[in-house]
Amino acid sequence: MKIAAIIQARMGSTRLSGKVMKDIKGRTVLSHVIERVRQSNLIEEIIIATTVHEKDTIIEKEAIKCGAKVYRGSEEDVLSRYYLAAKENNIDIIVRITSDCPVIDAYVIDEIISFYRNEKYEIVTNAGSDLSQRTYPRGLDTEVFSFNALEDAFYNGREKYHREHVTPYIYEKSNKIHYFKNDVNYSKYRWTLDTEEDFELISEIYNKLYKGTHDFYLQDIIEIFEKEPEMYTINAHIEQKKIN
């Protein structure tokens, strides 16, 4: 069973345009994400799913430079982009990650993949549609599901939000969903990149923990926040965009 991370990325963003190519400690956000995902022991391939627009050629070039594969497809129909990327590369198990998560944790990813492989769920997630089930910081979001589940969504997801957000159809139609939870609820923390405030916080995390090597993970960041609780307030007021 071939396992691959498919990471959606594009230059267009309503709140922070070009965010995946922003510089943090001399490297792009996208390169940090790819390197952190590559630390997974279970992911065999990394595919950057970007759009056919000329403005996203820079993403293709950066992804190739970082040793990732690239699939280019529809900007609005992200579900088709995922499905065709998985089909083209003969992927059996898809690990869905977004490119605005520069502190994504490979240990968490591998725990979720391992659980998925050992159980009989259609999708295992630490994010998902039911926000009351979230225990991980936003920015460590990982969804694991089969190619068959993705194909079902591709052919049967009709609503606009089904196409824009990849997994809503699976959550709506499946009764085999597992919300993977941490022992401690850290869901109040926001470590994703969507606004200038988010960028300020993530840059601060990197300034404190990144010394040229990705050797810091969930608990290392939590320790910083516990020592310096004022960091939480940098982007605590930011609301996540809702699925329409």
Protein backbone atom coordinates (compact mmCIF):
# COMPACT_ATOMS: atom_id res chain seq x y z
CA MET A 1 0.00 0.00 0.00
CA LYS A 2 1.64 3.18 -1.19
CA ILE A 3 1.34 6.09 1.25
CA ALA A 4 1.83 9.67 0.09
CA ALA A 5 1.36 13.13 1.50
CA ILE A 6 -0.50 15.41 -0.85
CA ILE A 7 0.06 19.02 0.14
CA GLN A 8 -2.15 21.67 -1.45
CA ALA A 9 -0.42 24.97 -2.20
CA ARG A 10 -1.12 28.10 -4.23
CA MET A 11 0.00 31.70 -4.32
CA GLY A 12 -3.53 33.08 -4.16
CA SER A 13 -4.84 33.63 -0.65
CA THR A 14 -7.58 36.01 0.36
CA ARG A 15 -5.98 36.95 3.68
CA LEU A 16 -2.23 36.53 3.08
CA SER A 17 -1.30 36.40 -0.58
CA GLY A 18 1.80 34.37 -1.44
CA LYS A 19 2.07 33.01 2.09
CA VAL A 20 3.70 29.69 1.13
CA MET A 21 6.64 31.53 -0.43
CA LYS A 22 7.18 33.88 2.50
CA ASP A 23 10.62 33.74 4.09
CA ILE A 24 11.23 32.31 7.54
CA LYS A 25 14.87 32.11 8.63
CA GLY A 26 16.16 32.23 5.05
CA ARG A 27 13.86 29.58 3.61
CA THR A 28 10.34 29.50 2.21
CA VAL A 29 7.38 28.33 4.23
CA LEU A 30 6.83 25.61 1.60
CA SER A 31 10.36 24.25 1.97
CA HIS A 32 9.95 24.09 5.76
CA VAL A 33 6.68 22.18 5.37
CA ILE A 34 8.20 19.70 2.90
CA GLU A 35 11.23 19.08 5.11
CA ARG A 36 9.11 18.50 8.19
CA VAL A 37 6.78 16.10 6.36
CA ARG A 38 9.80 14.27 4.95
CA GLN A 39 10.75 13.35 8.53
CA SER A 40 7.83 10.91 8.54
CA ASN A 41 8.93 7.28 8.60
CA LEU A 42 5.76 6.11 6.88
CA ILE A 43 5.21 8.58 4.04
CA GLU A 44 6.82 7.27 0.86
CA GLU A 45 6.19 10.25 -1.40
CA ILE A 46 5.40 13.94 -1.14
CA ILE A 47 3.26 15.55 -3.84
CA ILE A 48 2.61 19.27 -4.02
CA ALA A 49 -0.80 19.83 -5.58
CA THR A 50 -0.87 23.32 -7.04
CA THR A 51 -2.82 25.04 -9.81
CA VAL A 52 -2.30 25.48 -13.54
CA HIS A 53 -2.10 29.28 -13.15
CA GLU A 54 1.16 30.90 -14.23
CA LYS A 55 1.51 32.56 -10.82
CA ASP A 56 1.89 29.09 -9.27
CA THR A 57 4.86 28.10 -11.41
CA ILE A 58 7.04 29.46 -8.62
CA ILE A 59 5.50 26.84 -6.32
CA GLU A 60 6.27 24.07 -8.81
CA LYS A 61 9.89 25.19 -9.05
CA GLU A 62 10.29 25.40 -5.27
CA ALA A 63 8.70 22.00 -4.74
CA ILE A 64 11.00 20.34 -7.28
CA LYS A 65 13.98 22.09 -5.73
CA CYS A 66 12.94 20.54 -2.40
CA GLY A 67 12.68 17.07 -3.92
CA ALA A 68 8.89 16.80 -4.01
CA LYS A 69 6.69 15.74 -6.90
CA VAL A 70 4.19 18.21 -8.37
CA TYR A 71 0.69 17.94 -9.78
CA ARG A 72 -0.99 20.98 -11.31
CA GLY A 73 -4.77 21.18 -11.62
CA SER A 74 -7.86 23.26 -10.95
CA GLU A 75 -7.61 26.20 -8.57
CA GLU A 76 -11.24 26.09 -7.40
CA ASP A 77 -11.83 22.33 -7.57
CA VAL A 78 -9.25 21.23 -5.02
CA LEU A 79 -10.96 17.85 -4.69
CA SER A 80 -10.22 17.08 -8.35
CA ARG A 81 -6.65 18.29 -7.85
CA TYR A 82 -6.20 15.80 -5.00
CA TYR A 83 -7.92 12.94 -6.79
CA LEU A 84 -5.98 13.33 -10.04
CA ALA A 85 -2.68 13.78 -8.17
CA ALA A 86 -3.34 10.54 -6.26
CA LYS A 87 -4.48 8.67 -9.36
CA GLU A 88 -1.52 9.80 -11.48
CA ASN A 89 0.90 8.62 -8.79
CA ASN A 90 -0.90 5.36 -7.90
CA ILE A 91 -1.43 6.33 -4.26
CA ASP A 92 -3.36 3.93 -1.99
CA ILE A 93 -3.38 5.95 1.23
CA ILE A 94 -3.51 9.74 1.14
CA VAL A 95 -2.17 11.93 3.93
CA ARG A 96 -3.75 15.34 3.47
CA ILE A 97 -1.71 18.30 4.70
CA THR A 98 -1.95 21.96 3.78
CA SER A 99 1.05 24.13 2.94
CA ASP A 100 0.20 26.74 5.57
CA CYS A 101 1.40 24.50 8.41
CA PRO A 102 5.14 25.21 8.85
CA VAL A 103 5.30 23.53 12.27
CA ILE A 104 3.58 20.31 11.12
CA ASP A 105 4.82 17.43 13.27
CA ALA A 106 6.04 14.19 11.62
CA TYR A 107 5.63 12.25 14.88
CA VAL A 108 1.95 13.19 15.00
CA ILE A 109 1.58 12.33 11.31
CA ASP A 110 3.06 8.87 11.85
CA GLU A 111 0.88 8.18 14.88
CA ILE A 112 -2.23 8.97 12.82
CA ILE A 113 -1.07 6.87 9.84
CA SER A 114 -0.25 3.93 12.13
CA PHE A 115 -3.66 4.12 13.76
CA TYR A 116 -5.35 4.29 10.35
CA ARG A 117 -3.48 1.23 9.08
CA ASN A 118 -4.33 -0.83 12.18
CA GLU A 119 -8.02 0.04 12.33
CA LYS A 120 -10.98 -0.05 9.93
CA TYR A 121 -11.92 3.58 9.50
CA GLU A 122 -12.45 5.45 6.23
CA ILE A 123 -10.80 8.57 7.59
CA VAL A 124 -8.65 9.28 10.65
CA THR A 125 -8.04 12.89 11.53
CA ASN A 126 -6.86 15.23 14.28
CA ALA A 127 -8.81 18.06 12.63
CA GLY A 128 -12.07 17.30 10.83
CA SER A 129 -15.53 18.81 10.62
CA ASP A 130 -16.49 18.40 14.29
CA LEU A 131 -14.51 21.12 16.06
CA SER A 132 -15.53 19.79 19.48
CA GLN A 133 -13.30 16.76 18.78
CA ARG A 134 -10.15 18.81 18.18
CA THR A 135 -7.33 18.49 20.73
CA TYR A 136 -4.27 19.39 18.63
CA PRO A 137 -3.20 22.94 17.81
CA ARG A 138 -4.48 24.21 14.48
CA GLY A 139 -1.48 23.88 12.21
CA LEU A 140 -0.78 20.22 12.97
CA ASP A 141 -3.82 19.19 10.93
CA THR A 142 -3.52 15.75 9.36
CA GLU A 143 -6.15 13.66 7.59
CA VAL A 144 -5.53 10.08 6.43
CA PHE A 145 -7.92 8.31 4.07
CA SER A 146 -7.97 5.77 1.26
CA PHE A 147 -7.91 6.39 -2.46
CA ASN A 148 -11.32 4.70 -2.63
CA ALA A 149 -12.81 7.24 -0.23
CA LEU A 150 -11.26 10.07 -2.25
CA GLU A 151 -12.60 8.61 -5.49
CA ASP A 152 -16.09 8.34 -4.03
CA ALA A 153 -15.94 12.00 -3.01
CA PHE A 154 -14.61 12.99 -6.45
CA TYR A 155 -17.50 11.35 -8.30
CA ASN A 156 -20.30 12.11 -5.84
CA GLY A 157 -19.39 15.38 -4.11
CA ARG A 158 -21.65 17.89 -5.87
CA GLU A 159 -21.69 20.94 -3.63
CA LYS A 160 -19.24 23.78 -4.15
CA TYR A 161 -17.74 23.28 -0.67
CA HIS A 162 -17.23 19.57 -1.44
CA ARG A 163 -14.96 20.57 -4.32
CA GLU A 164 -13.14 23.41 -2.56
CA HIS A 165 -12.20 21.59 0.65
CA VAL A 166 -11.51 17.94 -0.41
CA THR A 167 -12.87 16.01 2.59
CA PRO A 168 -16.32 17.44 3.58
CA TYR A 169 -18.12 14.82 1.49
CA ILE A 170 -16.28 12.02 3.32
CA TYR A 171 -17.26 13.43 6.71
CA GLU A 172 -20.89 13.81 5.63
CA LYS A 173 -21.31 10.37 4.09
CA SER A 174 -19.09 8.12 6.18
CA ASN A 175 -19.93 6.47 9.49
CA LYS A 176 -16.34 5.27 9.86
CA ILE A 177 -14.64 8.45 11.09
CA HIS A 178 -12.12 8.52 13.91
CA TYR A 179 -10.98 11.72 15.60
CA PHE A 180 -7.44 11.12 16.77
CA LYS A 181 -6.89 12.88 20.09
CA ASN A 182 -3.96 14.07 22.17
CA ASP A 183 -3.82 13.31 25.88
CA VAL A 184 -3.87 17.05 26.62
CA ASN A 185 -6.21 19.45 24.85
CA TYR A 186 -4.10 22.06 23.04
CA SER A 187 -6.81 23.10 20.60
CA LYS A 188 -6.74 26.73 21.72
CA TYR A 189 -3.38 27.24 20.02
CA ARG A 190 -3.25 28.51 16.46
CA TRP A 191 -0.02 27.61 14.62
CA THR A 192 -1.31 27.84 11.04
CA LEU A 193 -0.44 30.61 8.58
CA ASP A 194 -3.33 32.65 7.25
CA THR A 195 -2.77 36.24 8.43
CA GLU A 196 0.05 38.66 9.26
CA GLU A 197 -0.48 37.90 12.94
CA ASP A 198 -0.05 34.19 12.25
CA PHE A 199 3.16 34.94 10.37
CA GLU A 200 4.43 37.00 13.30
CA LEU A 201 3.77 34.13 15.71
CA ILE A 202 5.28 31.42 13.53
CA SER A 203 8.34 33.58 12.87
CA GLU A 204 8.71 33.96 16.62
CA ILE A 205 8.51 30.18 17.10
CA TYR A 206 11.22 29.69 14.48
CA ASN A 207 13.40 32.42 15.98
CA LYS A 208 13.32 30.58 19.29
CA LEU A 209 13.60 26.97 18.12
CA TYR A 210 14.96 26.70 14.57
CA LYS A 211 18.76 26.60 14.38
CA GLY A 212 19.01 25.26 10.84
CA THR A 213 17.55 21.87 11.72
CA HIS A 214 13.96 20.77 12.17
CA ASP A 215 14.42 19.19 15.56
CA PHE A 216 11.51 20.81 17.42
CA TYR A 217 8.04 19.35 17.71
CA LEU A 218 4.73 19.70 19.52
CA GLN A 219 5.99 19.54 23.08
CA ASP A 220 8.96 21.82 22.38
CA ILE A 221 6.62 24.53 21.12
CA ILE A 222 4.20 24.00 24.01
CA GLU A 223 7.07 24.54 26.45
CA ILE A 224 7.83 27.91 24.84
CA PHE A 225 4.18 28.96 25.16
CA GLU A 226 4.05 27.87 28.79
CA LYS A 227 7.19 29.90 29.58
CA GLU A 228 6.01 32.89 27.55
CA PRO A 229 2.19 32.88 27.63
CA GLU A 230 2.08 36.29 25.96
CA MET A 231 2.94 34.57 22.67
CA TYR A 232 -0.55 33.10 22.63
CA THR A 233 -2.06 36.57 22.39
CA ILE A 234 -0.27 37.42 19.12
CA ASN A 235 -2.93 35.68 17.04
CA ALA A 236 -5.48 34.45 19.61
CA HIS A 237 -8.10 36.81 18.16
CA ILE A 238 -7.88 35.39 14.64
CA GLU A 239 -10.86 33.32 13.57
CA GLN A 240 -10.43 30.40 11.22
CA LYS A 241 -12.18 30.80 7.87
CA LYS A 242 -15.36 28.78 7.81
CA ILE A 243 -16.47 26.35 5.13
CA ASN A 244 -19.38 27.89 3.22
